[in-house]
Amino acid sequence: GFKHAYDFVYLLFDLNRTRPTNVGYAFINFISSSEAERFKKHFEGWANWRFSSEKKGAVVWGDLQGLHANIEKHRNSAIM
């Protein structure tokens, strides 16, 4: 699995809904580029959702890299 492959996850939620749900994307900081590549290989095109959906997973590299950079960027968000 990926349990020890990352050190930061920021999953955004729409809190204005009656039942808050995630907005469909997240920022994940992996501990190494090889772990990020492994994650991409596994989840790119993912369609085995627990609910009915035609959406497919997509993995893209972000401009922001590193644990501390991610913490600084998202530090003042409502969920952090």
Protein backbone atom coordinates (compact mmCIF):
# COMPACT_ATOMS: atom_id res chain seq x y z
CA GLY A 1 0.00 0.00 0.00
CA PHE A 2 0.86 3.66 0.32
CA LYS A 3 0.58 4.04 4.10
CA HIS A 4 4.16 5.26 4.59
CA ALA A 5 4.66 6.73 1.11
CA TYR A 6 3.54 10.29 1.88
CA ASP A 7 3.90 12.90 4.60
CA PHE A 8 1.15 15.37 3.64
CA VAL A 9 -2.41 15.11 2.30
CA TYR A 10 -4.74 18.04 1.79
CA LEU A 11 -8.21 16.90 0.69
CA LEU A 12 -10.55 19.81 0.08
CA PHE A 13 -14.20 19.60 1.18
CA ASP A 14 -17.26 21.60 0.21
CA LEU A 15 -18.59 22.46 3.66
CA ASN A 16 -21.53 24.44 2.27
CA ARG A 17 -23.47 21.32 1.33
CA THR A 18 -26.00 19.64 3.59
CA ARG A 19 -23.70 16.62 3.53
CA PRO A 20 -20.11 17.87 3.10
CA THR A 21 -18.22 16.07 0.35
CA ASN A 22 -14.75 16.37 -1.06
CA VAL A 23 -14.36 18.47 -4.17
CA GLY A 24 -12.74 15.68 -6.15
CA TYR A 25 -9.04 16.38 -5.84
CA ALA A 26 -6.29 16.48 -3.24
CA PHE A 27 -2.70 17.58 -2.81
CA ILE A 28 -0.35 14.79 -1.71
CA ASN A 29 3.33 15.15 -0.90
CA PHE A 30 5.22 11.88 -1.31
CA ILE A 31 8.41 11.12 0.57
CA SER A 32 10.23 10.35 -2.68
CA SER A 33 9.78 10.66 -6.42
CA SER A 34 9.73 6.86 -6.73
CA GLU A 35 6.75 6.69 -4.34
CA ALA A 36 4.98 9.39 -6.37
CA GLU A 37 5.62 7.43 -9.58
CA ARG A 38 4.31 4.24 -7.95
CA PHE A 39 1.16 6.07 -6.84
CA LYS A 40 0.63 7.49 -10.33
CA LYS A 41 1.05 4.07 -11.93
CA HIS A 42 -1.58 2.63 -9.58
CA PHE A 43 -4.20 5.42 -9.61
CA GLU A 44 -3.96 6.95 -13.09
CA GLY A 45 -7.24 5.96 -14.75
CA TRP A 46 -8.64 4.52 -11.49
CA ALA A 47 -12.36 3.71 -11.82
CA ASN A 48 -13.01 1.20 -9.02
CA TRP A 49 -14.98 3.66 -6.85
CA ARG A 50 -17.18 2.59 -3.94
CA PHE A 51 -20.05 4.51 -5.53
CA SER A 52 -21.43 4.71 -9.04
CA SER A 53 -19.33 7.13 -11.07
CA GLU A 54 -18.06 7.44 -14.62
CA LYS A 55 -15.10 9.54 -13.45
CA LYS A 56 -11.56 8.23 -13.82
CA GLY A 57 -8.63 9.10 -11.60
CA ALA A 58 -5.97 11.45 -12.89
CA VAL A 59 -2.59 12.12 -11.31
CA VAL A 60 -0.67 15.27 -12.18
CA TRP A 61 2.50 16.75 -10.73
CA GLY A 62 2.08 19.98 -8.82
CA ASP A 63 4.32 23.02 -9.00
CA LEU A 64 4.66 23.04 -5.21
CA GLN A 65 6.98 20.37 -3.82
CA GLY A 66 7.97 19.38 -0.28
CA LEU A 67 6.33 18.98 3.11
CA HIS A 68 7.21 22.41 4.49
CA ALA A 69 6.17 24.23 1.31
CA ASN A 70 2.77 22.50 1.41
CA ILE A 71 2.27 23.31 5.09
CA GLU A 72 3.09 26.97 4.49
CA LYS A 73 0.75 27.23 1.50
CA HIS A 74 -2.24 25.57 3.20
CA ARG A 75 -1.58 26.69 6.78
CA ASN A 76 -4.43 29.23 6.91
CA SER A 77 -7.11 27.10 5.25
CA ALA A 78 -10.28 26.42 7.23
CA ILE A 79 -9.54 22.70 7.47
CA MET A 80 -5.86 22.83 8.48
